[in-house]
Amino acid sequence: MPSKLALFASGSGSNAENIVTYFAGNNNFAFSLIISNKAGAFVHERAKKLNIPSLTFSREEFSDGKTILELLRKEEIDYIILAGFLLKIPQAIIDAYPDRIINIHPALLPKFGGKGMYGDHVHRAVVEAGETESGITIHYVNAHYDEGNIIFQAKCPVLATDSPDDVANKVHALEYEHFPKVIEQIWG
């Protein structure tokens, strides 16, 4: 019986689509649900194309975790993947899914992590700090932003001439290459 996975995404959902596409034809994984906190997020369009139900929950509905947790249990979700999800995961969900929720962060943690450090904010901070490398960190989710145990990191160079967009493009390439493979390694 395949493991049932839920994807949480707040934006365009390119990582979510990449993950689902990677596992197409793999009978070990079933993507049962995409959850977002933004009704207008493009991830919902991707979900339609991928034939995966997607739902939106407000920050208030999400905050205590009870409604989400009921849905996850009803759908018999085994694992949760955060793919560009911007809300903090409630403790009730973390407690129900210990070491079964992973996140990808667009920098080499512990640098450039924490509340407000996502997407272009991270890449801009990396460039402004004069860093010579950046990358991705895949980690388990705990009660603190970007502080869960690190599962995997991959690096890319940051050149003195790189703009935040240049860094973003390099980091996205690493995300697309490694995130599905790491999921397969830890939960396959």
N, C-alpha and C. Protein backbone atom coordinates (compact mmCIF):
# COMPACT_ATOMS: atom_id res chain seq x y z
N MET A 1 0.84 -1.18 0.00
CA MET A 1 0.00 0.00 0.00
C MET A 1 0.88 1.25 0.00
N PRO A 2 0.62 2.19 -0.88
CA PRO A 2 1.50 3.36 -0.97
C PRO A 2 1.35 4.28 0.23
N SER A 3 2.43 4.99 0.55
CA SER A 3 2.38 6.04 1.56
C SER A 3 1.59 7.20 0.99
N LYS A 4 0.71 7.76 1.81
CA LYS A 4 -0.08 8.91 1.38
C LYS A 4 0.58 10.19 1.86
N LEU A 5 0.78 11.10 0.91
CA LEU A 5 1.45 12.35 1.22
C LEU A 5 0.55 13.55 0.97
N ALA A 6 0.73 14.57 1.80
CA ALA A 6 0.06 15.85 1.60
C ALA A 6 1.15 16.89 1.35
N LEU A 7 0.90 17.76 0.39
CA LEU A 7 1.80 18.86 0.09
C LEU A 7 1.18 20.15 0.60
N PHE A 8 1.97 20.97 1.29
CA PHE A 8 1.52 22.28 1.75
C PHE A 8 2.30 23.31 0.94
N ALA A 9 1.60 24.24 0.29
CA ALA A 9 2.26 25.27 -0.53
C ALA A 9 1.49 26.58 -0.45
N SER A 10 2.22 27.68 -0.48
CA SER A 10 1.59 29.01 -0.41
C SER A 10 1.65 29.78 -1.72
N GLY A 11 2.47 29.33 -2.65
CA GLY A 11 2.70 30.13 -3.86
C GLY A 11 2.39 29.42 -5.15
N SER A 12 3.36 29.47 -6.06
CA SER A 12 3.11 28.95 -7.40
C SER A 12 3.04 27.43 -7.45
N GLY A 13 3.69 26.76 -6.52
CA GLY A 13 3.63 25.31 -6.48
C GLY A 13 4.57 24.60 -7.43
N SER A 14 5.60 25.28 -7.90
CA SER A 14 6.52 24.62 -8.84
C SER A 14 7.24 23.44 -8.19
N ASN A 15 7.62 23.58 -6.92
CA ASN A 15 8.25 22.45 -6.24
C ASN A 15 7.25 21.31 -6.04
N ALA A 16 6.02 21.65 -5.70
CA ALA A 16 5.00 20.61 -5.53
C ALA A 16 4.80 19.84 -6.83
N GLU A 17 4.68 20.57 -7.94
CA GLU A 17 4.50 19.90 -9.23
C GLU A 17 5.72 19.04 -9.58
N ASN A 18 6.90 19.56 -9.32
CA ASN A 18 8.13 18.81 -9.61
C ASN A 18 8.17 17.50 -8.82
N ILE A 19 7.76 17.56 -7.56
CA ILE A 19 7.76 16.36 -6.71
C ILE A 19 6.75 15.33 -7.23
N VAL A 20 5.54 15.78 -7.50
CA VAL A 20 4.50 14.87 -7.98
C VAL A 20 4.91 14.24 -9.32
N THR A 21 5.46 15.05 -10.21
CA THR A 21 5.90 14.55 -11.52
C THR A 21 7.03 13.52 -11.36
N TYR A 22 7.95 13.79 -10.45
CA TYR A 22 9.06 12.86 -10.20
C TYR A 22 8.54 11.48 -9.80
N PHE A 23 7.48 11.45 -8.99
CA PHE A 23 6.97 10.18 -8.49
C PHE A 23 5.88 9.55 -9.37
N ALA A 24 5.60 10.14 -10.51
CA ALA A 24 4.59 9.57 -11.42
C ALA A 24 5.00 8.13 -11.77
N GLY A 25 4.10 7.21 -11.57
CA GLY A 25 4.39 5.82 -11.87
C GLY A 25 5.04 5.06 -10.72
N ASN A 26 5.39 5.76 -9.64
CA ASN A 26 5.99 5.11 -8.47
C ASN A 26 4.85 4.68 -7.55
N ASN A 27 4.68 3.40 -7.36
CA ASN A 27 3.56 2.88 -6.57
C ASN A 27 3.77 2.98 -5.07
N ASN A 28 4.92 3.50 -4.63
CA ASN A 28 5.19 3.64 -3.20
C ASN A 28 4.60 4.91 -2.60
N PHE A 29 4.23 5.87 -3.47
CA PHE A 29 3.76 7.17 -3.00
C PHE A 29 2.46 7.56 -3.69
N ALA A 30 1.53 8.10 -2.92
CA ALA A 30 0.29 8.65 -3.47
C ALA A 30 0.12 10.06 -2.91
N PHE A 31 -0.03 11.03 -3.79
CA PHE A 31 -0.23 12.41 -3.36
C PHE A 31 -1.72 12.66 -3.28
N SER A 32 -2.22 12.74 -2.05
CA SER A 32 -3.65 12.76 -1.80
C SER A 32 -4.24 14.14 -1.68
N LEU A 33 -3.41 15.15 -1.41
CA LEU A 33 -3.96 16.43 -1.02
C LEU A 33 -2.90 17.53 -1.14
N ILE A 34 -3.35 18.69 -1.58
CA ILE A 34 -2.51 19.89 -1.53
C ILE A 34 -3.26 20.91 -0.68
N ILE A 35 -2.58 21.44 0.31
CA ILE A 35 -3.17 22.43 1.22
C ILE A 35 -2.42 23.74 1.04
N SER A 36 -3.18 24.83 0.97
CA SER A 36 -2.59 26.16 0.85
C SER A 36 -3.28 27.11 1.82
N ASN A 37 -2.59 28.20 2.11
CA ASN A 37 -3.19 29.25 2.92
C ASN A 37 -3.61 30.44 2.05
N LYS A 38 -3.53 30.27 0.73
CA LYS A 38 -3.89 31.35 -0.19
C LYS A 38 -4.78 30.82 -1.30
N ALA A 39 -6.01 31.32 -1.33
CA ALA A 39 -6.98 30.87 -2.34
C ALA A 39 -6.51 31.16 -3.76
N GLY A 40 -5.78 32.26 -3.96
CA GLY A 40 -5.34 32.64 -5.30
C GLY A 40 -3.99 32.09 -5.69
N ALA A 41 -3.41 31.24 -4.87
CA ALA A 41 -2.09 30.69 -5.18
C ALA A 41 -2.16 29.81 -6.42
N PHE A 42 -1.16 29.93 -7.28
CA PHE A 42 -1.14 29.16 -8.52
C PHE A 42 -1.02 27.65 -8.28
N VAL A 43 -0.62 27.27 -7.08
CA VAL A 43 -0.53 25.84 -6.77
C VAL A 43 -1.88 25.15 -6.99
N HIS A 44 -2.99 25.88 -6.84
CA HIS A 44 -4.31 25.26 -7.06
C HIS A 44 -4.50 24.90 -8.54
N GLU A 45 -3.98 25.73 -9.44
CA GLU A 45 -4.04 25.41 -10.87
C GLU A 45 -3.19 24.18 -11.18
N ARG A 46 -2.03 24.13 -10.57
CA ARG A 46 -1.17 22.96 -10.76
C ARG A 46 -1.85 21.70 -10.22
N ALA A 47 -2.52 21.84 -9.08
CA ALA A 47 -3.22 20.69 -8.48
C ALA A 47 -4.29 20.16 -9.43
N LYS A 48 -5.03 21.06 -10.06
CA LYS A 48 -6.06 20.63 -11.03
C LYS A 48 -5.41 19.83 -12.15
N LYS A 49 -4.31 20.37 -12.68
CA LYS A 49 -3.60 19.70 -13.78
C LYS A 49 -3.08 18.32 -13.34
N LEU A 50 -2.69 18.21 -12.09
CA LEU A 50 -2.13 16.96 -11.56
C LEU A 50 -3.20 16.02 -11.03
N ASN A 51 -4.45 16.48 -11.04
CA ASN A 51 -5.57 15.68 -10.55
C ASN A 51 -5.47 15.38 -9.05
N ILE A 52 -5.04 16.38 -8.29
CA ILE A 52 -4.92 16.24 -6.83
C ILE A 52 -5.85 17.27 -6.19
N PRO A 53 -6.70 16.85 -5.27
CA PRO A 53 -7.56 17.82 -4.59
C PRO A 53 -6.72 18.86 -3.86
N SER A 54 -7.16 20.13 -3.92
CA SER A 54 -6.47 21.18 -3.18
C SER A 54 -7.48 22.00 -2.40
N LEU A 55 -7.08 22.39 -1.21
CA LEU A 55 -7.95 23.14 -0.31
C LEU A 55 -7.19 24.35 0.23
N THR A 56 -7.95 25.37 0.57
CA THR A 56 -7.38 26.58 1.17
C THR A 56 -7.93 26.73 2.58
N PHE A 57 -7.05 27.05 3.49
CA PHE A 57 -7.42 27.34 4.87
C PHE A 57 -6.86 28.70 5.25
N SER A 58 -7.63 29.47 5.97
CA SER A 58 -7.16 30.78 6.43
C SER A 58 -6.13 30.59 7.54
N ARG A 59 -5.43 31.66 7.82
CA ARG A 59 -4.46 31.64 8.93
C ARG A 59 -5.16 31.24 10.23
N GLU A 60 -6.37 31.77 10.44
CA GLU A 60 -7.12 31.47 11.65
C GLU A 60 -7.49 29.98 11.72
N GLU A 61 -7.98 29.44 10.60
CA GLU A 61 -8.33 28.02 10.56
C GLU A 61 -7.11 27.14 10.78
N PHE A 62 -5.98 27.63 10.34
CA PHE A 62 -4.75 26.85 10.42
C PHE A 62 -4.10 26.92 11.80
N SER A 63 -4.32 28.02 12.51
CA SER A 63 -3.51 28.35 13.70
C SER A 63 -3.51 27.30 14.81
N ASP A 64 -4.65 26.69 15.13
CA ASP A 64 -4.61 25.70 16.20
C ASP A 64 -4.34 24.28 15.68
N GLY A 65 -4.49 24.10 14.37
CA GLY A 65 -4.16 22.81 13.76
C GLY A 65 -5.27 21.78 13.80
N LYS A 66 -6.32 22.03 14.57
CA LYS A 66 -7.36 21.00 14.75
C LYS A 66 -8.08 20.65 13.44
N THR A 67 -8.51 21.66 12.71
CA THR A 67 -9.24 21.41 11.46
C THR A 67 -8.36 20.68 10.46
N ILE A 68 -7.11 21.15 10.33
CA ILE A 68 -6.17 20.53 9.40
C ILE A 68 -5.89 19.09 9.82
N LEU A 69 -5.68 18.90 11.10
CA LEU A 69 -5.37 17.57 11.62
C LEU A 69 -6.52 16.60 11.37
N GLU A 70 -7.75 17.05 11.54
CA GLU A 70 -8.91 16.20 11.25
C GLU A 70 -8.91 15.78 9.78
N LEU A 71 -8.62 16.73 8.90
CA LEU A 71 -8.58 16.43 7.47
C LEU A 71 -7.45 15.44 7.16
N LEU A 72 -6.28 15.66 7.72
CA LEU A 72 -5.15 14.77 7.48
C LEU A 72 -5.46 13.34 7.94
N ARG A 73 -6.11 13.23 9.07
CA ARG A 73 -6.48 11.91 9.58
C ARG A 73 -7.54 11.26 8.71
N LYS A 74 -8.53 12.06 8.30
CA LYS A 74 -9.60 11.54 7.44
C LYS A 74 -9.01 11.00 6.13
N GLU A 75 -8.03 11.71 5.59
CA GLU A 75 -7.39 11.30 4.34
C GLU A 75 -6.29 10.26 4.55
N GLU A 76 -6.05 9.88 5.80
CA GLU A 76 -5.02 8.89 6.17
C GLU A 76 -3.64 9.27 5.66
N ILE A 77 -3.29 10.54 5.83
CA ILE A 77 -1.99 11.05 5.38
C ILE A 77 -0.89 10.50 6.28
N ASP A 78 0.16 9.99 5.64
CA ASP A 78 1.31 9.45 6.36
C ASP A 78 2.41 10.49 6.56
N TYR A 79 2.62 11.34 5.54
CA TYR A 79 3.72 12.29 5.55
C TYR A 79 3.26 13.64 4.99
N ILE A 80 3.93 14.69 5.44
CA ILE A 80 3.62 16.04 4.98
C ILE A 80 4.90 16.68 4.43
N ILE A 81 4.76 17.29 3.25
CA ILE A 81 5.88 17.97 2.60
C ILE A 81 5.52 19.45 2.49
N LEU A 82 6.36 20.30 3.06
CA LEU A 82 6.19 21.74 2.90
C LEU A 82 7.00 22.17 1.69
N ALA A 83 6.32 22.68 0.69
CA ALA A 83 6.98 23.08 -0.56
C ALA A 83 6.63 24.54 -0.81
N GLY A 84 7.33 25.42 -0.10
CA GLY A 84 7.04 26.84 -0.22
C GLY A 84 5.81 27.23 0.59
N PHE A 85 5.68 26.65 1.77
CA PHE A 85 4.56 26.97 2.64
C PHE A 85 5.03 27.96 3.69
N LEU A 86 4.30 29.06 3.87
CA LEU A 86 4.81 30.17 4.65
C LEU A 86 4.29 30.27 6.08
N LEU A 87 3.29 29.48 6.45
CA LEU A 87 2.78 29.55 7.82
C LEU A 87 3.52 28.58 8.73
N LYS A 88 3.61 28.96 9.98
CA LYS A 88 4.20 28.08 10.98
C LYS A 88 3.26 26.89 11.21
N ILE A 89 3.82 25.71 11.31
CA ILE A 89 3.02 24.51 11.51
C ILE A 89 2.63 24.43 12.99
N PRO A 90 1.34 24.30 13.27
CA PRO A 90 0.88 24.24 14.66
C PRO A 90 1.44 23.02 15.40
N GLN A 91 1.64 23.19 16.69
CA GLN A 91 2.21 22.13 17.52
C GLN A 91 1.39 20.85 17.46
N ALA A 92 0.07 20.96 17.36
CA ALA A 92 -0.78 19.76 17.30
C ALA A 92 -0.43 18.89 16.09
N ILE A 93 -0.12 19.52 14.97
CA ILE A 93 0.25 18.76 13.76
C ILE A 93 1.65 18.18 13.92
N ILE A 94 2.56 18.96 14.47
CA ILE A 94 3.93 18.47 14.70
C ILE A 94 3.89 17.25 15.62
N ASP A 95 3.09 17.34 16.68
CA ASP A 95 2.99 16.22 17.63
C ASP A 95 2.40 14.97 16.97
N ALA A 96 1.45 15.17 16.06
CA ALA A 96 0.80 14.03 15.39
C ALA A 96 1.68 13.42 14.31
N TYR A 97 2.66 14.19 13.81
CA TYR A 97 3.52 13.73 12.72
C TYR A 97 5.01 13.93 13.06
N PRO A 98 5.48 13.32 14.15
CA PRO A 98 6.89 13.51 14.50
C PRO A 98 7.82 12.92 13.43
N ASP A 99 8.76 13.70 12.99
CA ASP A 99 9.71 13.30 11.94
C ASP A 99 9.00 12.82 10.67
N ARG A 100 7.79 13.32 10.45
CA ARG A 100 7.06 12.98 9.23
C ARG A 100 6.60 14.24 8.50
N ILE A 101 7.20 15.37 8.87
CA ILE A 101 6.96 16.63 8.16
C ILE A 101 8.33 17.17 7.78
N ILE A 102 8.51 17.44 6.47
CA ILE A 102 9.78 18.02 6.05
C ILE A 102 9.53 19.33 5.29
N ASN A 103 10.55 20.16 5.32
CA ASN A 103 10.51 21.47 4.67
C ASN A 103 11.79 21.63 3.86
N ILE A 104 11.68 22.47 2.84
CA ILE A 104 12.88 22.86 2.10
C ILE A 104 13.06 24.35 2.30
N HIS A 105 14.29 24.75 2.61
CA HIS A 105 14.62 26.16 2.84
C HIS A 105 15.65 26.60 1.80
N PRO A 106 15.46 27.79 1.20
CA PRO A 106 16.35 28.22 0.12
C PRO A 106 17.64 28.88 0.57
N ALA A 107 18.31 28.28 1.54
CA ALA A 107 19.62 28.74 2.01
C ALA A 107 20.25 27.61 2.81
N LEU A 108 21.48 27.83 3.19
CA LEU A 108 22.20 26.84 3.98
C LEU A 108 22.01 27.16 5.46
N LEU A 109 21.01 26.53 6.05
CA LEU A 109 20.75 26.75 7.47
C LEU A 109 21.96 26.29 8.28
N PRO A 110 22.25 26.92 9.41
CA PRO A 110 21.39 27.84 10.15
C PRO A 110 21.41 29.29 9.66
N LYS A 111 22.24 29.61 8.68
CA LYS A 111 22.25 30.98 8.17
C LYS A 111 20.95 31.27 7.40
N PHE A 112 20.49 32.49 7.50
CA PHE A 112 19.38 33.01 6.70
C PHE A 112 18.07 32.23 6.88
N GLY A 113 17.82 31.81 8.12
CA GLY A 113 16.58 31.14 8.44
C GLY A 113 15.77 31.96 9.43
N GLY A 114 14.61 31.45 9.75
CA GLY A 114 13.75 32.10 10.75
C GLY A 114 12.57 32.80 10.12
N LYS A 115 11.76 33.39 10.98
CA LYS A 115 10.54 34.07 10.56
C LYS A 115 10.86 35.17 9.56
N GLY A 116 10.13 35.20 8.49
CA GLY A 116 10.31 36.24 7.46
C GLY A 116 11.39 35.93 6.44
N MET A 117 12.13 34.86 6.66
CA MET A 117 13.20 34.50 5.73
C MET A 117 12.70 33.43 4.77
N TYR A 118 12.17 33.90 3.64
CA TYR A 118 11.66 32.99 2.62
C TYR A 118 11.86 33.66 1.27
N GLY A 119 11.92 32.84 0.23
CA GLY A 119 11.98 33.32 -1.15
C GLY A 119 13.01 34.41 -1.38
N ASP A 120 12.57 35.47 -2.05
CA ASP A 120 13.49 36.55 -2.43
C ASP A 120 14.13 37.24 -1.24
N HIS A 121 13.47 37.24 -0.07
CA HIS A 121 14.06 37.84 1.13
C HIS A 121 15.38 37.14 1.46
N VAL A 122 15.38 35.82 1.32
CA VAL A 122 16.59 35.05 1.62
C VAL A 122 17.68 35.35 0.59
N HIS A 123 17.35 35.32 -0.68
CA HIS A 123 18.36 35.52 -1.72
C HIS A 123 18.96 36.93 -1.64
N ARG A 124 18.13 37.91 -1.34
CA ARG A 124 18.61 39.29 -1.19
C ARG A 124 19.58 39.37 0.01
N ALA A 125 19.21 38.73 1.12
CA ALA A 125 20.06 38.73 2.31
C ALA A 125 21.40 38.05 2.04
N VAL A 126 21.37 36.97 1.28
CA VAL A 126 22.61 36.25 0.94
C VAL A 126 23.54 37.16 0.13
N VAL A 127 23.00 37.83 -0.88
CA VAL A 127 23.80 38.73 -1.72
C VAL A 127 24.31 39.91 -0.90
N GLU A 128 23.44 40.53 -0.10
CA GLU A 128 23.84 41.70 0.70
C GLU A 128 24.90 41.34 1.74
N ALA A 129 24.90 40.10 2.21
CA ALA A 129 25.90 39.67 3.19
C ALA A 129 27.23 39.33 2.54
N GLY A 130 27.29 39.33 1.21
CA GLY A 130 28.53 39.01 0.51
C GLY A 130 28.91 37.54 0.60
N GLU A 131 27.93 36.68 0.77
CA GLU A 131 28.20 35.24 0.85
C GLU A 131 28.77 34.73 -0.48
N THR A 132 29.63 33.73 -0.39
CA THR A 132 30.22 33.15 -1.60
C THR A 132 29.53 31.85 -2.00
N GLU A 133 28.59 31.39 -1.15
CA GLU A 133 27.81 30.21 -1.50
C GLU A 133 26.43 30.30 -0.84
N SER A 134 25.52 29.61 -1.46
CA SER A 134 24.18 29.46 -0.90
C SER A 134 23.76 28.04 -1.22
N GLY A 135 22.47 27.77 -1.17
CA GLY A 135 22.03 26.43 -1.48
C GLY A 135 20.67 26.14 -0.90
N ILE A 136 20.44 24.87 -0.60
CA ILE A 136 19.18 24.43 -0.03
C ILE A 136 19.44 23.61 1.22
N THR A 137 18.45 23.63 2.10
CA THR A 137 18.46 22.77 3.28
C THR A 137 17.10 22.09 3.35
N ILE A 138 17.11 20.78 3.43
CA ILE A 138 15.89 20.01 3.65
C ILE A 138 15.97 19.54 5.10
N HIS A 139 14.91 19.83 5.86
CA HIS A 139 14.96 19.54 7.29
C HIS A 139 13.60 19.10 7.80
N TYR A 140 13.63 18.39 8.93
CA TYR A 140 12.38 18.06 9.61
C TYR A 140 11.83 19.33 10.23
N VAL A 141 10.51 19.36 10.38
CA VAL A 141 9.85 20.53 10.95
C VAL A 141 9.64 20.31 12.44
N ASN A 142 10.01 21.34 13.21
CA ASN A 142 9.72 21.33 14.64
C ASN A 142 8.98 22.62 14.99
N ALA A 143 8.93 22.97 16.26
CA ALA A 143 8.14 24.11 16.72
C ALA A 143 8.74 25.47 16.35
N HIS A 144 9.95 25.50 15.83
CA HIS A 144 10.63 26.76 15.52
C HIS A 144 10.95 26.83 14.03
N TYR A 145 10.75 28.01 13.44
CA TYR A 145 11.05 28.19 12.02
C TYR A 145 12.48 27.76 11.71
N ASP A 146 12.61 26.84 10.78
CA ASP A 146 13.91 26.46 10.19
C ASP A 146 14.93 25.93 11.19
N GLU A 147 14.46 25.34 12.29
CA GLU A 147 15.40 24.82 13.29
C GLU A 147 15.34 23.30 13.46
N GLY A 148 14.51 22.62 12.66
CA GLY A 148 14.43 21.16 12.77
C GLY A 148 15.71 20.49 12.29
N ASN A 149 15.88 19.25 12.67
CA ASN A 149 17.09 18.50 12.29
C ASN A 149 17.27 18.49 10.78
N ILE A 150 18.49 18.79 10.36
CA ILE A 150 18.82 18.85 8.94
C ILE A 150 18.96 17.44 8.38
N ILE A 151 18.31 17.22 7.24
CA ILE A 151 18.37 15.94 6.54
C ILE A 151 19.40 16.00 5.42
N PHE A 152 19.42 17.13 4.70
CA PHE A 152 20.25 17.23 3.49
C PHE A 152 20.52 18.69 3.17
N GLN A 153 21.72 18.95 2.66
CA GLN A 153 22.06 20.27 2.12
C GLN A 153 22.80 20.11 0.80
N ALA A 154 22.58 21.05 -0.10
CA ALA A 154 23.33 21.12 -1.36
C ALA A 154 23.71 22.58 -1.56
N LYS A 155 24.90 22.79 -2.13
CA LYS A 155 25.45 24.14 -2.25
C LYS A 155 25.57 24.57 -3.71
N CYS A 156 25.58 25.89 -3.88
CA CYS A 156 25.88 26.49 -5.17
C CYS A 156 26.72 27.74 -4.92
N PRO A 157 27.58 28.11 -5.87
CA PRO A 157 28.38 29.31 -5.68
C PRO A 157 27.55 30.57 -5.83
N VAL A 158 27.93 31.60 -5.10
CA VAL A 158 27.37 32.94 -5.28
C VAL A 158 28.52 33.82 -5.74
N LEU A 159 28.41 34.31 -6.96
CA LEU A 159 29.46 35.16 -7.52
C LEU A 159 29.26 36.60 -7.09
N ALA A 160 30.32 37.37 -7.07
CA ALA A 160 30.24 38.78 -6.69
C ALA A 160 29.30 39.55 -7.61
N THR A 161 29.13 39.07 -8.83
CA THR A 161 28.26 39.74 -9.81
C THR A 161 26.81 39.24 -9.77
N ASP A 162 26.52 38.23 -8.94
CA ASP A 162 25.17 37.66 -8.89
C ASP A 162 24.17 38.61 -8.25
N SER A 163 23.01 38.69 -8.87
CA SER A 163 21.88 39.40 -8.29
C SER A 163 21.07 38.40 -7.45
N PRO A 164 20.13 38.89 -6.62
CA PRO A 164 19.26 37.94 -5.91
C PRO A 164 18.53 37.00 -6.87
N ASP A 165 18.14 37.48 -8.05
CA ASP A 165 17.49 36.61 -9.03
C ASP A 165 18.42 35.52 -9.53
N ASP A 166 19.69 35.86 -9.72
CA ASP A 166 20.67 34.85 -10.14
C ASP A 166 20.79 33.75 -9.09
N VAL A 167 20.86 34.18 -7.83
CA VAL A 167 20.97 33.21 -6.74
C VAL A 167 19.70 32.36 -6.69
N ALA A 168 18.54 33.00 -6.84
CA ALA A 168 17.26 32.27 -6.83
C ALA A 168 17.24 31.19 -7.90
N ASN A 169 17.71 31.52 -9.09
CA ASN A 169 17.72 30.53 -10.18
C ASN A 169 18.61 29.34 -9.85
N LYS A 170 19.76 29.59 -9.26
CA LYS A 170 20.66 28.49 -8.87
C LYS A 170 20.03 27.63 -7.77
N VAL A 171 19.41 28.29 -6.81
CA VAL A 171 18.79 27.57 -5.70
C VAL A 171 17.59 26.75 -6.19
N HIS A 172 16.77 27.33 -7.06
CA HIS A 172 15.63 26.58 -7.61
C HIS A 172 16.10 25.32 -8.33
N ALA A 173 17.19 25.42 -9.07
CA ALA A 173 17.71 24.24 -9.77
C ALA A 173 18.08 23.14 -8.77
N LEU A 174 18.68 23.54 -7.64
CA LEU A 174 19.01 22.55 -6.60
C LEU A 174 17.74 21.96 -5.99
N GLU A 175 16.73 22.80 -5.76
CA GLU A 175 15.47 22.30 -5.19
C GLU A 175 14.87 21.24 -6.08
N TYR A 176 14.76 21.54 -7.37
CA TYR A 176 14.13 20.62 -8.31
C TYR A 176 14.92 19.32 -8.44
N GLU A 177 16.24 19.43 -8.39
CA GLU A 177 17.07 18.23 -8.52
C GLU A 177 17.01 17.34 -7.28
N HIS A 178 17.08 17.95 -6.10
CA HIS A 178 17.30 17.15 -4.89
C HIS A 178 16.07 16.84 -4.04
N PHE A 179 15.08 17.73 -3.99
CA PHE A 179 13.96 17.53 -3.06
C PHE A 179 13.26 16.19 -3.29
N PRO A 180 12.86 15.84 -4.51
CA PRO A 180 12.20 14.54 -4.70
C PRO A 180 13.08 13.35 -4.31
N LYS A 181 14.36 13.44 -4.64
CA LYS A 181 15.27 12.33 -4.33
C LYS A 181 15.41 12.12 -2.82
N VAL A 182 15.46 13.22 -2.08
CA VAL A 182 15.57 13.12 -0.62
C VAL A 182 14.29 12.53 -0.04
N ILE A 183 13.15 12.94 -0.54
CA ILE A 183 11.87 12.37 -0.10
C ILE A 183 11.89 10.86 -0.32
N GLU A 184 12.33 10.45 -1.48
CA GLU A 184 12.39 9.03 -1.82
C GLU A 184 13.33 8.28 -0.89
N GLN A 185 14.47 8.91 -0.57
CA GLN A 185 15.45 8.24 0.30
C GLN A 185 14.95 8.09 1.73
N ILE A 186 14.29 9.11 2.26
CA ILE A 186 13.90 9.01 3.68
C ILE A 186 12.59 8.25 3.90
N TRP A 187 11.69 8.31 2.92
CA TRP A 187 10.38 7.69 3.11
C TRP A 187 10.09 6.56 2.13
N GLY A 188 11.04 6.27 1.24
CA GLY A 188 10.81 5.24 0.24
C GLY A 188 10.97 3.88 0.82
